[in-house]
Protein backbone atom coordinates (compact mmCIF):
# COMPACT_ATOMS: atom_id res chain seq x y z
CA MET A 1 52.41 120.36 99.77
CA ARG A 2 54.57 120.13 96.68
CA LEU A 3 55.85 116.63 97.44
CA ASP A 4 52.36 115.25 98.09
CA ALA A 5 51.22 116.73 94.77
CA ALA A 6 54.20 115.19 92.98
CA LEU A 7 53.47 111.75 94.43
CA HIS A 8 49.82 112.04 93.41
CA ARG A 9 50.89 113.07 89.92
CA LEU A 10 53.05 109.94 89.62
CA ALA A 11 50.14 107.77 90.73
CA VAL A 12 47.84 109.28 88.12
CA THR A 13 50.42 109.36 85.32
CA PHE A 14 51.55 105.76 85.70
CA ARG A 15 48.22 104.20 86.58
CA GLY A 16 47.78 101.03 84.55
CA SER A 17 51.50 100.53 83.87
CA VAL A 18 52.78 96.97 83.69
CA VAL A 19 56.09 95.24 83.09
CA ASP A 20 56.63 94.07 79.51
CA PRO A 21 54.59 90.84 79.04
CA ASP A 22 57.69 89.11 77.63
CA GLU A 23 59.85 90.00 80.64
CA VAL A 24 61.44 87.03 82.39
CA GLN A 25 63.33 86.66 85.65
CA CYS A 26 65.28 83.90 87.32
CA ASP A 27 63.09 82.25 89.95
CA CYS A 28 66.14 80.77 91.70
CA HIS A 29 67.48 84.12 92.91
CA TRP A 30 64.88 86.82 92.27
CA GLY A 31 61.43 85.39 92.99
CA SER A 32 58.58 83.22 91.83
CA ALA A 33 56.58 83.17 88.62
CA GLU A 34 53.59 84.33 90.66
CA GLU A 35 55.52 87.41 91.79
CA LEU A 36 56.59 88.18 88.24
CA ALA A 37 52.94 87.91 87.23
CA LEU A 38 52.10 90.62 89.78
CA LEU A 39 54.45 93.00 87.97
CA LYS A 40 52.56 92.27 84.78
CA THR A 41 49.27 93.14 86.49
CA ALA A 42 48.34 96.80 86.69
CA ASP A 43 47.80 98.72 89.93
CA VAL A 44 48.43 95.85 92.33
CA GLU A 45 50.35 96.94 95.42
CA LEU A 46 53.57 94.97 95.90
CA ASP A 47 54.66 93.81 99.32
CA PRO A 48 57.79 95.65 100.56
CA ASP A 49 60.08 92.66 100.04
CA LEU A 50 59.00 92.21 96.41
CA LEU A 51 59.30 95.93 95.76
CA ASN A 52 62.86 95.97 97.12
CA ARG A 53 63.90 92.89 95.16
CA THR A 54 62.43 94.37 92.01
CA TRP A 55 64.14 97.76 92.08
CA ARG A 56 67.48 96.28 93.15
CA GLU A 57 67.54 93.67 90.38
CA THR A 58 69.91 94.67 87.58
CA ASP A 59 69.18 92.20 84.77
CA TRP A 60 65.71 93.21 83.67
CA ARG A 61 65.42 93.24 79.90
CA ASP A 62 63.13 96.27 79.85
CA ARG A 63 64.16 98.56 82.71
CA ALA A 64 61.81 101.29 81.51
CA SER A 65 58.69 99.16 81.88
CA VAL A 66 59.83 97.97 85.32
CA LEU A 67 60.40 101.53 86.47
CA ARG A 68 57.02 102.71 85.18
CA ARG A 69 55.28 99.76 86.88
CA ILE A 70 56.76 100.32 90.35
CA LEU A 71 57.34 104.08 90.23
CA PRO A 72 54.35 105.37 92.26
CA GLN A 73 54.94 102.87 95.05
CA PHE A 74 58.74 103.14 94.82
CA ALA A 75 58.61 106.94 95.09
CA ARG A 76 56.48 106.70 98.24
CA ALA A 77 58.96 104.22 99.68
CA LEU A 78 61.87 106.56 98.96
CA VAL A 79 60.10 109.40 100.73
CA SER A 80 59.11 107.29 103.73
CA GLY A 81 62.50 105.61 104.05
CA SER A 82 61.12 102.09 103.64
CA VAL A 83 63.38 101.37 100.68
CA GLU A 84 66.11 98.90 101.62
CA PRO A 85 69.23 99.51 99.54
CA VAL A 86 72.11 97.09 99.27
CA GLY A 87 75.10 99.33 99.78
CA THR A 88 74.36 102.93 98.85
CA LEU A 89 70.92 104.39 98.21
CA GLY A 90 72.53 106.07 95.23
CA LYS A 91 72.05 102.83 93.30
CA ALA A 92 68.40 103.81 93.04
CA GLY A 93 69.57 106.53 90.70
CA SER A 94 70.75 103.79 88.34
CA LEU A 95 67.20 102.44 88.08
CA PHE A 96 65.95 105.85 86.98
CA ALA A 97 68.82 106.44 84.56
CA GLU A 98 68.73 103.00 82.99
CA GLY A 99 64.97 103.33 82.70
CA THR A 100 65.67 106.30 80.37
CA TRP A 101 62.86 108.31 81.96
CA GLN A 102 64.07 111.54 80.36
CA GLU A 103 63.25 110.08 76.94
CA TRP A 104 59.67 109.19 77.86
CA PRO A 105 56.66 111.18 76.62
CA ALA A 106 56.57 114.67 78.11
CA GLN A 107 53.73 113.98 80.53
CA GLN A 108 55.61 111.06 82.02
CA SER A 109 59.10 112.59 82.10
CA GLU A 110 57.80 115.81 83.61
CA ALA A 111 56.04 113.86 86.38
CA VAL A 112 59.27 112.04 87.22
CA GLY A 113 61.33 115.22 87.13
CA GLU A 114 58.89 117.05 89.37
CA PHE A 115 58.98 114.21 91.89
CA LEU A 116 62.79 114.27 92.06
CA HIS A 117 62.86 118.05 92.50
CA ALA A 118 60.07 118.03 95.08
CA TRP A 119 61.74 115.23 97.05
CA TRP A 120 65.08 117.04 97.01
CA ALA A 121 63.62 120.36 98.16
CA HIS A 122 61.61 118.60 100.87
CA THR A 123 64.72 116.77 102.10
CA LEU A 124 66.71 119.98 102.42
CA ALA A 125 63.89 121.59 104.41
CA ASP A 126 63.37 118.61 106.73
CA ALA A 127 65.56 118.55 109.84
CA CYS A 128 65.21 114.77 110.07
CA PRO A 129 64.46 113.34 106.60
CA ALA A 130 63.99 109.62 106.02
CA PHE A 131 67.32 109.53 104.16
CA PRO A 132 70.15 112.05 104.63
CA ALA A 133 70.51 114.77 102.04
CA HIS A 134 73.78 113.45 100.64
CA GLU A 135 72.11 110.10 99.84
CA VAL A 136 69.10 111.77 98.21
CA LEU A 137 71.51 113.90 96.18
CA GLU A 138 73.15 110.68 94.94
CA VAL A 139 69.79 109.41 93.69
CA CYS A 140 68.85 112.69 92.01
CA THR A 141 72.28 113.11 90.43
CA GLY A 142 72.37 109.52 89.22
CA ALA A 143 68.83 109.73 87.88
CA SER A 144 69.38 112.96 85.98
CA GLY A 145 73.01 112.57 84.93
CA THR A 146 74.00 115.93 86.38
CA VAL A 147 74.69 117.56 89.73
CA THR A 148 73.97 121.11 88.53
CA PRO A 149 70.24 121.65 89.27
CA TRP A 150 70.44 119.99 92.67
CA LEU A 151 73.32 122.19 93.82
CA ALA A 152 71.41 125.22 92.54
CA VAL A 153 68.48 124.35 94.82
CA TRP A 154 70.83 123.82 97.76
CA GLU A 155 72.38 127.21 97.09
CA GLN A 156 68.96 128.85 97.23
CA GLN A 157 67.95 127.06 100.44
CA ASP A 158 70.42 128.89 102.67
CA ASP A 159 68.92 128.28 106.11
CA PRO A 160 69.96 126.42 109.27
CA THR A 161 68.40 123.12 108.23
CA ALA A 162 69.89 123.07 104.75
CA ASN A 163 73.23 124.19 106.19
CA GLN A 164 73.23 121.36 108.71
CA HIS A 165 72.62 118.93 105.87
CA LEU A 166 75.63 120.44 104.12
CA ALA A 167 77.83 119.97 107.18
CA THR A 168 76.71 116.35 107.46
CA ALA A 169 77.31 115.75 103.76
CA LEU A 170 80.81 117.20 103.90
CA ASP A 171 81.65 114.95 106.81
CA PHE A 172 80.97 112.04 104.45
CA TRP A 173 82.50 113.66 101.36
CA GLU A 174 85.69 115.28 102.62
CA TYR A 175 88.01 112.29 102.26
CA ASP A 176 86.92 111.47 98.69
CA LEU A 177 86.92 115.09 97.56
CA LEU A 178 90.41 115.65 98.96
CA GLN A 179 91.52 112.58 96.97
CA ASP A 180 89.95 114.18 93.86
CA THR A 181 87.28 111.48 93.74
CA LEU A 182 83.57 112.06 93.19
CA PRO A 183 81.79 110.94 96.41
CA LEU A 184 78.56 110.05 94.61
CA HIS A 185 77.42 106.69 93.26
CA THR A 186 77.83 107.08 89.49
CA ASP A 187 79.55 103.82 88.59
CA TYR A 188 77.80 103.67 85.22
CA TRP A 189 78.96 107.17 84.20
CA GLU A 190 81.79 107.79 81.78
CA GLU A 191 85.00 108.89 83.49
CA GLU A 192 84.83 112.26 81.76
CA ASP A 193 81.36 112.88 83.22
CA LYS A 194 82.48 111.83 86.69
CA GLU A 195 85.39 114.24 86.56
CA LYS A 196 83.17 117.08 85.36
CA ALA A 197 80.76 116.48 88.23
CA ARG A 198 83.61 116.23 90.75
CA VAL A 199 85.03 119.57 89.65
CA GLU A 200 81.60 121.16 89.76
CA LEU A 201 80.84 119.80 93.23
CA THR A 202 84.26 120.81 94.57
CA THR A 203 83.98 124.31 93.14
CA TRP A 204 80.51 124.70 94.63
CA VAL A 205 81.66 123.53 98.06
CA VAL A 206 84.67 125.87 98.08
CA ARG A 207 82.47 128.80 97.09
CA HIS A 208 79.42 128.24 99.26
CA ALA A 209 80.33 126.01 102.20
CA PRO A 210 82.68 128.14 104.36
CA ALA A 211 80.18 130.77 105.49
CA ARG A 212 77.40 128.23 105.90
CA LEU A 213 79.59 125.93 107.97
CA ARG A 214 80.72 128.74 110.25
CA VAL A 215 77.12 129.73 110.91
CA GLN A 216 76.45 126.13 111.92
CA GLY A 217 79.44 126.06 114.25
CA ALA A 218 80.98 123.23 112.23
CA PRO A 219 84.12 121.58 113.64
CA GLU A 220 87.44 123.10 112.72
CA HIS A 221 88.64 120.06 110.80
CA LEU A 222 85.70 120.42 108.40
CA LEU A 223 86.49 124.08 107.75
CA HIS A 224 90.10 123.14 107.03
CA ALA A 225 88.92 120.39 104.67
CA VAL A 226 86.96 122.92 102.63
CA ARG A 227 89.92 125.30 102.62
CA LEU A 228 92.18 122.51 101.36
CA LEU A 229 89.75 121.78 98.53
CA GLY A 230 90.63 125.23 97.19
CA LEU A 231 94.28 124.20 96.94
CA THR A 232 95.95 121.82 94.51
CA GLY A 233 99.09 119.69 94.40
CA PRO A 234 101.78 120.25 97.04
CA ASP A 235 99.93 123.28 98.42
CA ARG A 236 97.24 120.86 99.56
CA TRP A 237 99.39 117.89 100.52
CA ASP A 238 102.03 119.90 102.38
CA ASP A 239 99.52 121.89 104.38
CA THR A 240 99.80 121.40 108.14
CA HIS A 241 96.17 120.23 108.22
CA TRP A 242 96.73 117.39 105.75
CA PRO A 243 95.39 114.81 106.47
CA ILE A 244 92.54 116.49 108.31
CA ARG A 245 90.48 113.59 109.64
CA PRO A 246 90.72 113.45 113.46
CA SER A 247 91.23 109.68 113.25
CA ALA A 248 94.34 110.25 111.14
CA ALA A 249 95.85 112.80 113.51
């Protein structure tokens, strides 16, 4: 299986990785000196609580070394669903992005990229993935800085499972998209990049979602939401189906 191979590749590629020896962390809110020492020791499995505290922490001096140290175990946790996010899972994308993995040596960056692509494809093909597709998309988009390749894969995987994931995603996205807001966690992006991604996502939804939603027997309000995304200004606001959420009717 592609995902199994990608996880194995991460394990091999990042074997022996450790956090920068000069890295420090506050023991009053993050953890103990003994736990920090574990991150500076190669190939020692971290307990789930330590793993979660480590990836969620935002004030590491060397995010790249932290990411390389935990990556094999962290990737397995993402796939299994044992990661415990605070707020949105999309914040995991920040760890990848701020770890600058795309600037690493080719062998390392290619291993990370293959994992993200394999995880995304596996999620779309799984009727009951550990995390819903729209949350995995947030991670992949945040990690890579673009929504383009992930939407391209979704476009190719035009089948009942992938289409159901699309219907579920749109149920979460419709309100934000209709407010011209990007419904993905990209708080660290420049506003120009957020807007570019929002336009790209909206255009993709308007083009590809209607037929796929109808095949799935999606509720009428969702079909109207997609239709409204193709309109702008008063044409959208004055439409009889605005607002379209049942709770707002």
